[in-house]
Amino acid sequence: MIPATISAIRQATPTIKVFTLDTGGEQFQFKAGQWLDFYVDLDGEEGIGGYSMTSSPLTAGSVELAIKESEANPVTRHLHERTRVGDRVTIDGGQGDCYYEAGMAASLVLVAGGIGITPIISIVRYSTVATPEVPVTLLYAATSPEELLFREELETLAARDPRFRVEFYVTRGEAGPLHAGHIDEDALRATLDREAVYFVCGPPAMIDRTVEILGHLGIPPAHVRFERWW
């Protein structure tokens, strides 16, 4: 376990806060796409929450998490309502088998729904630095344009790096210049790459639907990586 200090808190979307944890110079070891255990004191009792890292494993001395509000999760509720800059916490990880590291793929297609962008953005941030020769396509859906976490960063990266492409989808309400609706078979067919490794993260129904479509499109199961965590 590693002690850490909350060094920054940012309201990134109407429902998501981004927390930066200072590890005091100690390198927190994890792979892009993994998650950690987060320990907090809940009025004298230990609370444990599991959250995906959004920072790259190449970032030294700090870890970033993006956490969506939830009344059902006491640790998440504590983080959103009571945690302040300067608070001390404990973290442990990284954990999980759905990760990316150098040498795993000739190209990447990343599919994210809602808060499922959290492990995916870690893969984006890592891959564009550690394996810049690997083309990356990201399909990312959220309920509204305001809930598209890291949108500005992703648009800036796409404008700067010809090997990175992003397509945004809005599943409810007005989409504006973005795609309206879910990431469906047409969207996946338009970015089809049978040599790529696919990473899928989002609500269970979205994962199941995406994995099924990719199978119909001829993507080998060994090239599709996902992890159900809620």
C-alpha atoms as a PDB file:
ATOM      1  CA  MET A   1       0.000   0.000   0.000  1.00  0.00           C
ATOM      2  CA  ILE A   2       1.113   3.556  -0.736  1.00  0.00           C
ATOM      3  CA  PRO A   3       0.107   6.663   1.250  1.00  0.00           C
ATOM      4  CA  ALA A   4      -0.962   9.598  -0.890  1.00  0.00           C
ATOM      5  CA  THR A   5      -2.225  13.150  -0.533  1.00  0.00           C
ATOM      6  CA  ILE A   6      -5.080  14.690  -2.505  1.00  0.00           C
ATOM      7  CA  SER A   7      -3.274  17.508  -4.330  1.00  0.00           C
ATOM      8  CA  ALA A   8      -6.063  18.681  -6.664  1.00  0.00           C
ATOM      9  CA  ILE A   9      -9.800  18.216  -7.215  1.00  0.00           C
ATOM     10  CA  ARG A  10     -11.536  19.392 -10.380  1.00  0.00           C
ATOM     11  CA  GLN A  11     -15.198  19.261 -11.374  1.00  0.00           C
ATOM     12  CA  ALA A  12     -14.664  17.967 -14.907  1.00  0.00           C
ATOM     13  CA  THR A  13     -18.295  17.328 -15.924  1.00  0.00           C
ATOM     14  CA  PRO A  14     -21.625  17.855 -14.130  1.00  0.00           C
ATOM     15  CA  THR A  15     -21.293  14.400 -12.519  1.00  0.00           C
ATOM     16  CA  ILE A  16     -17.556  13.595 -12.570  1.00  0.00           C
ATOM     17  CA  LYS A  17     -14.700  14.906 -10.448  1.00  0.00           C
ATOM     18  CA  VAL A  18     -11.020  14.415 -11.269  1.00  0.00           C
ATOM     19  CA  PHE A  19      -8.737  13.762  -8.295  1.00  0.00           C
ATOM     20  CA  THR A  20      -4.941  14.078  -8.418  1.00  0.00           C
ATOM     21  CA  LEU A  21      -3.066  12.085  -5.782  1.00  0.00           C
ATOM     22  CA  ASP A  22       0.496  13.010  -4.826  1.00  0.00           C
ATOM     23  CA  THR A  23       2.445   9.865  -3.921  1.00  0.00           C
ATOM     24  CA  GLY A  24       5.307  11.791  -2.346  1.00  0.00           C
ATOM     25  CA  GLY A  25       7.790  10.948  -5.065  1.00  0.00           C
ATOM     26  CA  GLU A  26       7.131   7.222  -4.836  1.00  0.00           C
ATOM     27  CA  GLN A  27       6.406   5.620  -8.208  1.00  0.00           C
ATOM     28  CA  PHE A  28       3.006   3.945  -8.233  1.00  0.00           C
ATOM     29  CA  GLN A  29       3.373   0.888 -10.452  1.00  0.00           C
ATOM     30  CA  PHE A  30       0.524   0.018 -12.812  1.00  0.00           C
ATOM     31  CA  LYS A  31      -0.242  -0.703 -16.451  1.00  0.00           C
ATOM     32  CA  ALA A  32      -2.441   1.449 -18.676  1.00  0.00           C
ATOM     33  CA  GLY A  33      -6.041   0.291 -18.240  1.00  0.00           C
ATOM     34  CA  GLN A  34      -5.692  -1.078 -14.710  1.00  0.00           C
ATOM     35  CA  TRP A  35      -7.478   0.009 -11.523  1.00  0.00           C
ATOM     36  CA  LEU A  36      -6.560   0.534  -7.870  1.00  0.00           C
ATOM     37  CA  ASP A  37      -8.074   0.086  -4.425  1.00  0.00           C
ATOM     38  CA  PHE A  38      -8.724   3.399  -2.676  1.00  0.00           C
ATOM     39  CA  TYR A  39      -8.964   3.386   1.141  1.00  0.00           C
ATOM     40  CA  VAL A  40     -10.686   6.135   3.122  1.00  0.00           C
ATOM     41  CA  ASP A  41     -11.869   6.627   6.688  1.00  0.00           C
ATOM     42  CA  LEU A  42     -15.675   6.569   6.817  1.00  0.00           C
ATOM     43  CA  ASP A  43     -16.380   7.864  10.324  1.00  0.00           C
ATOM     44  CA  GLY A  44     -14.007   5.409  11.953  1.00  0.00           C
ATOM     45  CA  GLU A  45     -14.578   2.514   9.579  1.00  0.00           C
ATOM     46  CA  GLU A  46     -12.397   1.645   6.614  1.00  0.00           C
ATOM     47  CA  GLY A  47     -14.017   2.109   3.226  1.00  0.00           C
ATOM     48  CA  ILE A  48     -12.574   0.638   0.028  1.00  0.00           C
ATOM     49  CA  GLY A  49     -13.402   1.761  -3.501  1.00  0.00           C
ATOM     50  CA  GLY A  50     -12.046   0.506  -6.816  1.00  0.00           C
ATOM     51  CA  TYR A  51     -11.262   3.108  -9.499  1.00  0.00           C
ATOM     52  CA  SER A  52      -9.413   3.050 -12.814  1.00  0.00           C
ATOM     53  CA  MET A  53      -6.358   5.243 -13.218  1.00  0.00           C
ATOM     54  CA  THR A  54      -6.739   7.942 -15.855  1.00  0.00           C
ATOM     55  CA  SER A  55      -3.095   8.991 -15.778  1.00  0.00           C
ATOM     56  CA  SER A  56      -0.372   7.289 -17.782  1.00  0.00           C
ATOM     57  CA  PRO A  57       1.927   4.789 -16.041  1.00  0.00           C
ATOM     58  CA  LEU A  58       4.754   7.005 -17.297  1.00  0.00           C
ATOM     59  CA  THR A  59       3.658   9.832 -14.977  1.00  0.00           C
ATOM     60  CA  ALA A  60       5.967   9.940 -11.965  1.00  0.00           C
ATOM     61  CA  GLY A  61       4.975  11.006  -8.463  1.00  0.00           C
ATOM     62  CA  SER A  62       1.216  11.255  -8.916  1.00  0.00           C
ATOM     63  CA  VAL A  63      -1.881   9.317  -9.932  1.00  0.00           C
ATOM     64  CA  GLU A  64      -5.073  10.720 -11.455  1.00  0.00           C
ATOM     65  CA  LEU A  65      -8.584   9.313 -11.011  1.00  0.00           C
ATOM     66  CA  ALA A  66     -11.889  10.435 -12.539  1.00  0.00           C
ATOM     67  CA  ILE A  67     -14.855   9.414 -10.388  1.00  0.00           C
ATOM     68  CA  LYS A  68     -18.543   9.688 -11.240  1.00  0.00           C
ATOM     69  CA  GLU A  69     -20.927  10.570  -8.427  1.00  0.00           C
ATOM     70  CA  SER A  70     -22.921   7.694  -6.931  1.00  0.00           C
ATOM     71  CA  GLU A  71     -25.346   7.719  -4.029  1.00  0.00           C
ATOM     72  CA  ALA A  72     -25.116   3.922  -3.812  1.00  0.00           C
ATOM     73  CA  ASN A  73     -21.346   3.792  -3.211  1.00  0.00           C
ATOM     74  CA  PRO A  74     -20.306   5.183   0.213  1.00  0.00           C
ATOM     75  CA  VAL A  75     -16.653   5.694  -0.777  1.00  0.00           C
ATOM     76  CA  THR A  76     -17.606   7.542  -3.955  1.00  0.00           C
ATOM     77  CA  ARG A  77     -20.134   9.649  -2.049  1.00  0.00           C
ATOM     78  CA  HIS A  78     -17.443  10.493   0.532  1.00  0.00           C
ATOM     79  CA  LEU A  79     -14.992  11.506  -2.204  1.00  0.00           C
ATOM     80  CA  HIS A  80     -17.521  13.774  -3.910  1.00  0.00           C
ATOM     81  CA  GLU A  81     -19.005  15.363  -0.802  1.00  0.00           C
ATOM     82  CA  ARG A  82     -16.326  15.414   1.897  1.00  0.00           C
ATOM     83  CA  THR A  83     -12.845  14.962   0.431  1.00  0.00           C
ATOM     84  CA  ARG A  84     -10.703  18.096   0.281  1.00  0.00           C
ATOM     85  CA  VAL A  85      -7.280  19.021  -1.082  1.00  0.00           C
ATOM     86  CA  GLY A  86      -4.682  18.011   1.502  1.00  0.00           C
ATOM     87  CA  ASP A  87      -6.537  14.920   2.730  1.00  0.00           C
ATOM     88  CA  ARG A  88      -4.410  11.822   3.280  1.00  0.00           C
ATOM     89  CA  VAL A  89      -5.503   8.532   1.714  1.00  0.00           C
ATOM     90  CA  THR A  90      -4.067   5.100   0.956  1.00  0.00           C
ATOM     91  CA  ILE A  91      -4.004   3.358  -2.417  1.00  0.00           C
ATOM     92  CA  ASP A  92      -3.072  -0.137  -3.552  1.00  0.00           C
ATOM     93  CA  GLY A  93      -2.739  -1.601  -7.063  1.00  0.00           C
ATOM     94  CA  GLY A  94      -2.631  -1.633 -10.011  1.00  0.00           C
ATOM     95  CA  GLN A  95      -4.962  -4.489 -10.618  1.00  0.00           C
ATOM     96  CA  GLY A  96      -6.859  -6.057 -13.501  1.00  0.00           C
ATOM     97  CA  ASP A  97      -6.022  -8.065 -16.605  1.00  0.00           C
ATOM     98  CA  CYS A  98      -7.435  -5.603 -19.155  1.00  0.00           C
ATOM     99  CA  TYR A  99      -4.389  -3.451 -19.871  1.00  0.00           C
ATOM    100  CA  TYR A 100      -2.154  -2.269 -22.692  1.00  0.00           C
ATOM    101  CA  GLU A 101       1.628  -2.168 -22.841  1.00  0.00           C
ATOM    102  CA  ALA A 102       4.236  -1.788 -25.558  1.00  0.00           C
ATOM    103  CA  GLY A 103       4.446  -4.676 -27.999  1.00  0.00           C
ATOM    104  CA  MET A 104       0.852  -5.848 -27.599  1.00  0.00           C
ATOM    105  CA  ALA A 105      -0.661  -4.444 -30.800  1.00  0.00           C
ATOM    106  CA  ALA A 106       0.116  -3.113 -34.264  1.00  0.00           C
ATOM    107  CA  SER A 107      -2.919  -0.812 -33.929  1.00  0.00           C
ATOM    108  CA  LEU A 108      -5.571  -0.031 -31.321  1.00  0.00           C
ATOM    109  CA  VAL A 109      -9.319   0.556 -31.466  1.00  0.00           C
ATOM    110  CA  LEU A 110     -10.741   1.801 -28.165  1.00  0.00           C
ATOM    111  CA  VAL A 111     -14.487   1.810 -27.431  1.00  0.00           C
ATOM    112  CA  ALA A 112     -15.720   3.676 -24.349  1.00  0.00           C
ATOM    113  CA  GLY A 113     -19.165   4.327 -22.910  1.00  0.00           C
ATOM    114  CA  GLY A 114     -19.760   6.843 -20.118  1.00  0.00           C
ATOM    115  CA  ILE A 115     -17.347   6.588 -17.196  1.00  0.00           C
ATOM    116  CA  GLY A 116     -15.780   3.654 -19.056  1.00  0.00           C
ATOM    117  CA  ILE A 117     -13.507   6.288 -20.586  1.00  0.00           C
ATOM    118  CA  THR A 118     -11.341   6.187 -17.446  1.00  0.00           C
ATOM    119  CA  PRO A 119      -9.114   3.178 -18.251  1.00  0.00           C
ATOM    120  CA  ILE A 120      -9.294   4.067 -21.945  1.00  0.00           C
ATOM    121  CA  ILE A 121      -7.825   7.562 -21.466  1.00  0.00           C
ATOM    122  CA  SER A 122      -4.932   5.987 -19.564  1.00  0.00           C
ATOM    123  CA  ILE A 123      -4.273   3.783 -22.602  1.00  0.00           C
ATOM    124  CA  VAL A 124      -4.471   6.826 -24.902  1.00  0.00           C
ATOM    125  CA  ARG A 125      -2.073   8.867 -22.779  1.00  0.00           C
ATOM    126  CA  TYR A 126       0.374   5.984 -22.486  1.00  0.00           C
ATOM    127  CA  SER A 127       0.260   4.691 -26.061  1.00  0.00           C
ATOM    128  CA  THR A 128       0.709   8.055 -27.769  1.00  0.00           C
ATOM    129  CA  VAL A 129       3.991   8.495 -25.871  1.00  0.00           C
ATOM    130  CA  ALA A 130       5.326   4.954 -25.350  1.00  0.00           C
ATOM    131  CA  THR A 131       4.248   3.549 -28.741  1.00  0.00           C
ATOM    132  CA  PRO A 132       3.704   6.584 -31.013  1.00  0.00           C
ATOM    133  CA  GLU A 133       4.016   4.392 -34.110  1.00  0.00           C
ATOM    134  CA  VAL A 134       0.803   2.518 -33.175  1.00  0.00           C
ATOM    135  CA  PRO A 135      -2.352   4.067 -34.730  1.00  0.00           C
ATOM    136  CA  VAL A 136      -5.165   4.618 -32.222  1.00  0.00           C
ATOM    137  CA  THR A 137      -8.882   5.052 -32.954  1.00  0.00           C
ATOM    138  CA  LEU A 138     -11.242   5.989 -30.115  1.00  0.00           C
ATOM    139  CA  LEU A 139     -15.049   5.723 -30.236  1.00  0.00           C
ATOM    140  CA  TYR A 140     -16.509   7.412 -27.153  1.00  0.00           C
ATOM    141  CA  ALA A 141     -20.181   7.755 -26.177  1.00  0.00           C
ATOM    142  CA  ALA A 142     -21.771   9.714 -23.327  1.00  0.00           C
ATOM    143  CA  THR A 143     -25.295  10.806 -22.455  1.00  0.00           C
ATOM    144  CA  SER A 144     -24.646  14.460 -23.370  1.00  0.00           C
ATOM    145  CA  PRO A 145     -21.833  16.602 -24.800  1.00  0.00           C
ATOM    146  CA  GLU A 146     -21.230  17.987 -21.295  1.00  0.00           C
ATOM    147  CA  GLU A 147     -20.530  14.471 -19.987  1.00  0.00           C
ATOM    148  CA  LEU A 148     -17.780  13.761 -22.534  1.00  0.00           C
ATOM    149  CA  LEU A 149     -14.863  13.644 -20.119  1.00  0.00           C
ATOM    150  CA  PHE A 150     -11.470  14.832 -21.465  1.00  0.00           C
ATOM    151  CA  ARG A 151     -13.133  15.976 -24.713  1.00  0.00           C
ATOM    152  CA  GLU A 152     -10.893  19.030 -25.199  1.00  0.00           C
ATOM    153  CA  GLU A 153      -7.725  17.024 -24.565  1.00  0.00           C
ATOM    154  CA  LEU A 154      -8.811  14.331 -27.019  1.00  0.00           C
ATOM    155  CA  GLU A 155      -9.740  16.852 -29.719  1.00  0.00           C
ATOM    156  CA  THR A 156      -6.388  18.608 -29.291  1.00  0.00           C
ATOM    157  CA  LEU A 157      -4.529  15.315 -29.554  1.00  0.00           C
ATOM    158  CA  ALA A 158      -6.450  14.330 -32.699  1.00  0.00           C
ATOM    159  CA  ALA A 159      -5.648  17.680 -34.322  1.00  0.00           C
ATOM    160  CA  ARG A 160      -1.955  17.320 -33.499  1.00  0.00           C
ATOM    161  CA  ASP A 161      -1.330  13.608 -34.062  1.00  0.00           C
ATOM    162  CA  PRO A 162      -2.337  12.066 -37.417  1.00  0.00           C
ATOM    163  CA  ARG A 163      -2.128   8.582 -35.895  1.00  0.00           C
ATOM    164  CA  PHE A 164      -4.860   9.362 -33.348  1.00  0.00           C
ATOM    165  CA  ARG A 165      -8.532   9.586 -34.330  1.00  0.00           C
ATOM    166  CA  VAL A 166     -11.548  10.179 -32.084  1.00  0.00           C
ATOM    167  CA  GLU A 167     -15.297  10.005 -32.787  1.00  0.00           C
ATOM    168  CA  PHE A 168     -17.772  11.271 -30.164  1.00  0.00           C
ATOM    169  CA  TYR A 169     -21.325   9.953 -29.737  1.00  0.00           C
ATOM    170  CA  VAL A 170     -24.178  11.466 -27.711  1.00  0.00           C
ATOM    171  CA  THR A 171     -26.855   8.982 -26.677  1.00  0.00           C
ATOM    172  CA  ARG A 172     -29.521  11.386 -25.355  1.00  0.00           C
ATOM    173  CA  GLY A 173     -30.743  14.823 -26.346  1.00  0.00           C
ATOM    174  CA  GLU A 174     -29.059  17.256 -28.701  1.00  0.00           C
ATOM    175  CA  ALA A 175     -25.776  16.036 -30.199  1.00  0.00           C
ATOM    176  CA  GLY A 176     -24.906  19.175 -32.162  1.00  0.00           C
ATOM    177  CA  PRO A 177     -21.954  18.474 -34.478  1.00  0.00           C
ATOM    178  CA  LEU A 178     -21.289  15.105 -32.817  1.00  0.00           C
ATOM    179  CA  HIS A 179     -22.715  11.704 -33.724  1.00  0.00           C
ATOM    180  CA  ALA A 180     -26.196  11.099 -32.302  1.00  0.00           C
ATOM    181  CA  GLY A 181     -26.970   7.699 -30.803  1.00  0.00           C
ATOM    182  CA  HIS A 182     -25.027   4.706 -29.579  1.00  0.00           C
ATOM    183  CA  ILE A 183     -21.848   3.175 -30.961  1.00  0.00           C
ATOM    184  CA  ASP A 184     -23.523   0.657 -33.255  1.00  0.00           C
ATOM    185  CA  GLU A 185     -22.532  -1.816 -35.950  1.00  0.00           C
ATOM    186  CA  ASP A 186     -22.213   0.916 -38.583  1.00  0.00           C
ATOM    187  CA  ALA A 187     -19.804   2.856 -36.358  1.00  0.00           C
ATOM    188  CA  LEU A 188     -17.700  -0.220 -35.649  1.00  0.00           C
ATOM    189  CA  ARG A 189     -17.718  -1.277 -39.299  1.00  0.00           C
ATOM    190  CA  ALA A 190     -16.498   2.188 -40.333  1.00  0.00           C
ATOM    191  CA  THR A 191     -13.414   1.784 -38.145  1.00  0.00           C
ATOM    192  CA  LEU A 192     -12.931  -1.947 -38.746  1.00  0.00           C
ATOM    193  CA  ASP A 193      -9.333  -3.087 -38.364  1.00  0.00           C
ATOM    194  CA  ARG A 194      -8.832  -6.850 -38.242  1.00  0.00           C
ATOM    195  CA  GLU A 195      -5.195  -6.411 -37.208  1.00  0.00           C
ATOM    196  CA  ALA A 196      -6.055  -4.198 -34.231  1.00  0.00           C
ATOM    197  CA  VAL A 197      -6.484  -5.048 -30.587  1.00  0.00           C
ATOM    198  CA  TYR A 198      -9.837  -3.728 -29.342  1.00  0.00           C
ATOM    199  CA  PHE A 199     -10.380  -2.461 -25.794  1.00  0.00           C
ATOM    200  CA  VAL A 200     -14.003  -2.036 -24.682  1.00  0.00           C
ATOM    201  CA  CYS A 201     -15.145  -0.419 -21.434  1.00  0.00           C
ATOM    202  CA  GLY A 202     -18.563   0.836 -20.359  1.00  0.00           C
ATOM    203  CA  PRO A 203     -21.898  -0.367 -18.971  1.00  0.00           C
ATOM    204  CA  PRO A 204     -22.383  -4.160 -19.169  1.00  0.00           C
ATOM    205  CA  ALA A 205     -25.044  -3.997 -21.899  1.00  0.00           C
ATOM    206  CA  MET A 206     -22.786  -1.801 -24.027  1.00  0.00           C
ATOM    207  CA  ILE A 207     -19.855  -4.188 -23.578  1.00  0.00           C
ATOM    208  CA  ASP A 208     -21.973  -7.223 -24.477  1.00  0.00           C
ATOM    209  CA  ARG A 209     -23.407  -5.509 -27.558  1.00  0.00           C
ATOM    210  CA  THR A 210     -20.001  -4.306 -28.768  1.00  0.00           C
ATOM    211  CA  VAL A 211     -18.275  -7.656 -28.259  1.00  0.00           C
ATOM    212  CA  GLU A 212     -21.103  -9.425 -30.119  1.00  0.00           C
ATOM    213  CA  ILE A 213     -20.898  -6.996 -33.053  1.00  0.00           C
ATOM    214  CA  LEU A 214     -17.125  -7.323 -33.269  1.00  0.00           C
ATOM    215  CA  GLY A 215     -17.542 -11.093 -33.444  1.00  0.00           C
ATOM    216  CA  HIS A 216     -20.025 -10.730 -36.312  1.00  0.00           C
ATOM    217  CA  LEU A 217     -17.535  -8.461 -38.077  1.00  0.00           C
ATOM    218  CA  GLY A 218     -14.828 -11.106 -37.884  1.00  0.00           C
ATOM    219  CA  ILE A 219     -12.623  -9.743 -35.109  1.00  0.00           C
ATOM    220  CA  PRO A 220     -10.994 -12.730 -33.351  1.00  0.00           C
ATOM    221  CA  PRO A 221     -11.947 -13.057 -29.665  1.00  0.00           C
ATOM    222  CA  ALA A 222      -8.258 -12.934 -28.740  1.00  0.00           C
ATOM    223  CA  HIS A 223      -8.134  -9.399 -30.176  1.00  0.00           C
ATOM    224  CA  VAL A 224     -10.996  -8.097 -28.002  1.00  0.00           C
ATOM    225  CA  ARG A 225     -10.196  -7.137 -24.420  1.00  0.00           C
ATOM    226  CA  PHE A 226     -12.755  -5.995 -21.858  1.00  0.00           C
ATOM    227  CA  GLU A 227     -13.464  -6.096 -18.155  1.00  0.00           C
ATOM    228  CA  ARG A 228     -16.844  -5.909 -16.435  1.00  0.00           C
ATOM    229  CA  TRP A 229     -16.651  -3.986 -13.182  1.00  0.00           C
ATOM    230  CA  TRP A 230     -20.182  -2.870 -12.399  1.00  0.00           C
END
